[in-house]
């Protein structure tokens, strides 16, 4: 389950953007941009498991407050989205080591410790600078880090919705719960349209987005055949 498939690090580490990969990890790990390694990621934006196998442009006048994205509004019945912490590096590397998780994210490769560390640092820098960014998704019952979510910023300066979940948490309605929380935040901050990029093979991620009202806006977004742009207006 992923949203944002082409550049996890465009917006957070080197210009990559995470896209909506509904394998729960939409984003690419090739660059880090303004909002974190998942900025501009096509595969990492919205990640849900694919069945057999970017997001809203944000307009907001309230940038700069760390409470904007990670407040109580982003605590759901089963999940909490919070800023990344240094101790999240290892869990993120472990999470991305699963082929089901990284297959639709950027080049479809695991996340190294160095990139994970950079992602964490850049995401928190973006949170401080812009009032929103990418953070950890923690399961309330267990306290375990099971994914990531938030808004990333590709190289073009627009914001994209990104999120991803561990494969063992797919099929439990958590992706929908997470997406609904992010969309409520976007609405409260007048973020419109909401963008998400997804690998066209990521059937579940696409189904999740379309069920929430997203519509296909462009195939081969930014010249990448593995990244389709979806918009919620």
Protein backbone atom coordinates (compact mmCIF):
# COMPACT_ATOMS: atom_id res chain seq x y z
CA UNK A 1 0.00 0.00 0.00
CA UNK A 2 1.80 3.07 -1.18
CA UNK A 3 1.14 6.48 -2.59
CA UNK A 4 3.93 8.17 -4.46
CA UNK A 5 6.03 6.04 -6.66
CA UNK A 6 8.92 7.87 -8.12
CA UNK A 7 11.13 9.59 -5.68
CA UNK A 8 11.12 8.95 -2.01
CA UNK A 9 14.02 11.23 -1.58
CA UNK A 10 13.40 13.77 -4.24
CA UNK A 11 11.59 15.89 -1.79
CA UNK A 12 13.53 14.84 1.22
CA UNK A 13 17.00 13.67 0.41
CA UNK A 14 18.05 14.38 -3.10
CA UNK A 15 15.14 15.27 -5.21
CA UNK A 16 13.37 11.95 -5.49
CA UNK A 17 9.66 11.76 -5.01
CA UNK A 18 7.65 9.10 -3.33
CA UNK A 19 4.62 8.10 -5.26
CA UNK A 20 1.37 6.43 -4.49
CA UNK A 21 2.33 2.86 -4.70
CA UNK A 22 -0.43 1.27 -2.83
CA UNK A 23 1.82 -1.47 -1.90
CA UNK A 24 1.71 0.95 0.94
CA UNK A 25 4.71 2.80 0.02
CA UNK A 26 4.44 5.30 -2.67
CA UNK A 27 7.67 7.00 -3.20
CA UNK A 28 11.03 6.70 -4.65
CA UNK A 29 14.28 6.67 -2.82
CA UNK A 30 16.31 8.57 -5.34
CA UNK A 31 16.30 12.06 -4.01
CA UNK A 32 15.48 14.24 -1.13
CA UNK A 33 13.62 17.41 -1.58
CA UNK A 34 11.93 20.10 0.43
CA UNK A 35 9.65 17.88 2.43
CA UNK A 36 11.65 14.78 2.96
CA UNK A 37 12.95 11.79 1.10
CA UNK A 38 9.46 11.01 -0.07
CA UNK A 39 9.01 14.28 -1.72
CA UNK A 40 8.05 13.87 -5.28
CA UNK A 41 7.88 10.14 -5.03
CA UNK A 42 5.72 8.34 -7.41
CA UNK A 43 5.74 4.93 -5.83
CA UNK A 44 5.75 5.97 -2.26
CA UNK A 45 2.87 8.28 -2.10
CA UNK A 46 0.15 5.84 -1.47
CA UNK A 47 1.16 2.35 -0.91
CA UNK A 48 -1.15 -0.59 -0.70
CA UNK A 49 -0.37 -4.17 -1.65
CA UNK A 50 -0.99 -4.82 -5.28
CA UNK A 51 -3.41 -7.64 -5.82
CA UNK A 52 -1.42 -10.26 -7.56
CA UNK A 53 1.73 -8.90 -7.06
CA UNK A 54 1.43 12.89 -5.77
CA UNK A 55 -0.78 14.19 -4.23
CA UNK A 56 -2.63 17.34 -3.42
CA UNK A 57 -1.07 20.61 -4.25
CA UNK A 58 -1.18 22.32 -0.95
CA UNK A 59 -2.11 25.90 -0.53
CA UNK A 60 -1.73 27.00 3.03
CA UNK A 61 -1.08 30.24 4.82
CA UNK A 62 -0.24 28.55 8.10
CA UNK A 63 3.22 27.18 7.47
CA UNK A 64 5.85 26.86 10.13
CA UNK A 65 3.90 25.30 12.98
CA UNK A 66 5.03 21.85 14.00
CA UNK A 67 1.52 21.24 15.28
CA UNK A 68 0.02 21.60 11.84
CA UNK A 69 0.44 18.05 10.68
CA UNK A 70 1.18 15.88 13.67
CA UNK A 71 -1.40 16.88 16.21
CA UNK A 72 -4.29 14.96 17.69
CA UNK A 73 -6.13 15.33 14.38
CA UNK A 74 -3.84 12.69 12.93
CA UNK A 75 -4.42 10.16 15.64
CA UNK A 76 -6.99 7.64 14.44
CA UNK A 77 -8.66 4.69 16.12
CA UNK A 78 -5.71 2.42 15.35
CA UNK A 79 -2.87 4.66 14.17
CA UNK A 80 -0.83 7.71 15.11
CA UNK A 81 1.18 9.82 12.66
CA UNK A 82 4.06 11.57 14.40
CA UNK A 83 7.37 13.20 13.42
CA UNK A 84 10.23 10.84 12.70
CA UNK A 85 12.75 10.19 15.47
CA UNK A 86 16.40 9.10 15.19
CA UNK A 87 15.46 5.68 16.54
CA UNK A 88 13.10 5.18 13.60
CA UNK A 89 16.00 4.58 11.20
CA UNK A 90 16.36 0.87 11.94
CA UNK A 91 12.61 0.12 11.80
CA UNK A 92 12.40 1.98 8.48
CA UNK A 93 15.27 -0.02 7.02
CA UNK A 94 13.60 -3.23 8.20
CA UNK A 95 10.27 -2.13 6.76
CA UNK A 96 11.79 -1.37 3.36
CA UNK A 97 13.69 -4.66 3.30
CA UNK A 98 10.43 -6.42 2.42
CA UNK A 99 10.10 -6.73 -1.39
CA UNK A 100 6.33 -6.33 -1.05
CA UNK A 101 6.93 -2.93 0.46
CA UNK A 102 9.67 -1.57 -1.79
CA UNK A 103 8.64 -3.12 -5.12
CA UNK A 104 6.69 -0.06 -6.27
CA UNK A 105 8.85 2.57 -4.64
CA UNK A 106 11.28 4.38 -6.88
CA UNK A 107 13.75 1.85 -8.28
CA UNK A 108 12.13 -0.91 -6.25
CA UNK A 109 15.12 -1.33 -3.94
CA UNK A 110 15.52 -1.59 -0.14
CA UNK A 111 16.30 1.52 1.91
CA UNK A 112 19.87 1.92 3.16
CA UNK A 113 20.64 3.23 6.65
CA UNK A 114 22.24 6.35 5.22
CA UNK A 115 19.20 7.18 3.11
CA UNK A 116 16.84 6.39 5.98
CA UNK A 117 18.84 8.68 8.27
CA UNK A 118 18.75 11.44 5.68
CA UNK A 119 15.02 10.93 5.17
CA UNK A 120 14.35 11.29 8.89
CA UNK A 121 16.46 14.45 9.15
CA UNK A 122 15.07 16.09 6.01
CA UNK A 123 11.48 15.26 6.89
CA UNK A 124 11.82 16.99 10.24
CA UNK A 125 13.50 19.97 8.60
CA UNK A 126 10.54 20.26 6.26
CA UNK A 127 8.12 19.98 9.15
CA UNK A 128 9.86 22.86 10.89
CA UNK A 129 10.07 24.96 7.73
CA UNK A 130 6.70 24.33 6.11
CA UNK A 131 4.46 23.07 8.90
CA UNK A 132 3.90 19.71 7.25
CA UNK A 133 6.01 16.80 6.09
CA UNK A 134 6.38 13.04 6.30
CA UNK A 135 6.36 11.14 9.56
CA UNK A 136 6.12 7.73 11.15
CA UNK A 137 2.90 5.72 11.28
CA UNK A 138 2.71 3.95 14.63
CA UNK A 139 0.20 1.28 15.59
CA UNK A 140 -1.57 2.43 18.74
CA UNK A 141 -2.03 -1.03 20.24
CA UNK A 142 1.56 -2.24 19.87
CA UNK A 143 3.55 0.98 19.62
CA UNK A 144 5.24 -0.47 16.55
CA UNK A 145 6.29 1.65 13.58
CA UNK A 146 4.36 0.12 10.68
CA UNK A 147 4.68 2.77 7.99
CA UNK A 148 5.11 6.39 7.00
CA UNK A 149 2.73 9.11 5.86
CA UNK A 150 2.38 12.80 5.22
CA UNK A 151 3.02 15.31 2.48
CA UNK A 152 6.17 15.50 0.41
CA UNK A 153 7.41 18.13 -1.98
CA UNK A 154 8.79 17.12 -5.39
CA UNK A 155 11.18 19.29 -7.30
CA UNK A 156 8.38 21.38 -8.80
CA UNK A 157 7.41 22.74 -5.39
CA UNK A 158 3.95 21.16 -5.27
CA UNK A 159 2.93 18.97 -2.36
CA UNK A 160 2.09 15.30 -2.74
CA UNK A 161 0.34 12.93 -0.41
CA UNK A 162 2.46 9.92 0.47
CA UNK A 163 2.03 6.94 2.73
CA UNK A 164 3.03 3.31 3.09
CA UNK A 165 2.30 0.39 5.42
CA UNK A 166 4.02 -2.84 6.40
CA UNK A 167 2.78 -5.80 4.35
CA UNK A 168 1.53 -7.66 7.43
CA UNK A 169 -0.90 -4.82 8.06
CA UNK A 170 -2.49 -4.82 4.61
CA UNK A 171 -6.10 -5.88 4.22
CA UNK A 172 -7.17 -4.59 7.65
CA UNK A 173 -8.65 -1.26 6.61
CA UNK A 174 -5.67 0.68 7.96
CA UNK A 175 -4.79 2.17 4.59
CA UNK A 176 -8.23 3.71 4.29
CA UNK A 177 -8.09 4.93 7.89
CA UNK A 178 -4.71 6.53 7.24
CA UNK A 179 -5.78 8.13 3.97
CA UNK A 180 -8.96 9.56 5.49
CA UNK A 181 -6.92 11.16 8.26
CA UNK A 182 -4.50 12.76 5.81
CA UNK A 183 -7.35 14.07 3.67
CA UNK A 184 -9.03 15.63 6.71
CA UNK A 185 -5.77 17.39 7.46
CA UNK A 186 -5.47 18.58 3.86
CA UNK A 187 -9.01 19.93 3.94
CA UNK A 188 -8.43 21.75 7.21
CA UNK A 189 -5.33 23.41 5.76
CA UNK A 190 -6.94 24.26 2.42
CA UNK A 191 -4.61 21.96 0.51
CA UNK A 192 -6.09 21.63 -2.94
CA UNK A 193 -5.88 19.85 -5.21
CA UNK A 194 -4.43 16.84 -3.42
CA UNK A 195 -1.93 14.97 -5.60
CA UNK A 196 -0.72 11.39 -5.48
CA UNK A 197 1.50 9.43 -7.86
CA UNK A 198 1.12 5.68 -8.25
CA UNK A 199 2.72 2.86 -10.18
CA UNK A 200 0.08 1.76 -12.74
CA UNK A 201 0.62 -1.87 -11.65
CA UNK A 202 -0.33 -1.09 -8.07
CA UNK A 203 -3.97 -2.11 -8.29
CA UNK A 204 -4.80 -1.84 -4.61
CA UNK A 205 -3.28 1.54 -4.19
CA UNK A 206 -5.19 2.81 -7.18
CA UNK A 207 -8.41 1.27 -5.82
CA UNK A 208 -7.87 2.99 -2.47
CA UNK A 209 -7.33 6.37 -4.07
CA UNK A 210 -10.24 6.14 -6.49
CA UNK A 211 -12.56 5.02 -3.68
CA UNK A 212 -11.57 8.23 -1.87
CA UNK A 213 -12.46 10.31 -4.92
CA UNK A 214 -9.11 10.62 -6.70
CA UNK A 215 -9.16 10.57 -10.48
CA UNK A 216 -6.44 9.79 -12.99
CA UNK A 217 -5.02 13.05 -14.32
CA UNK A 218 -1.92 11.97 -16.23
CA UNK A 219 -0.22 8.75 -17.29
CA UNK A 220 3.55 8.69 -17.32
CA UNK A 221 3.81 11.69 -14.99
CA UNK A 222 7.01 13.68 -15.47
CA UNK A 223 7.97 11.31 -18.28
CA UNK A 224 8.07 8.26 -15.99
CA UNK A 225 6.05 5.33 -17.40
CA UNK A 226 5.85 3.83 -13.89
CA UNK A 227 4.18 6.87 -12.37
CA UNK A 228 0.58 7.98 -12.92
CA UNK A 229 -0.73 11.19 -11.38
CA UNK A 230 -4.03 11.18 -9.48
CA UNK A 231 -5.81 14.29 -8.24
CA UNK A 232 -8.51 14.98 -5.67
CA UNK A 233 -10.08 18.37 -6.30
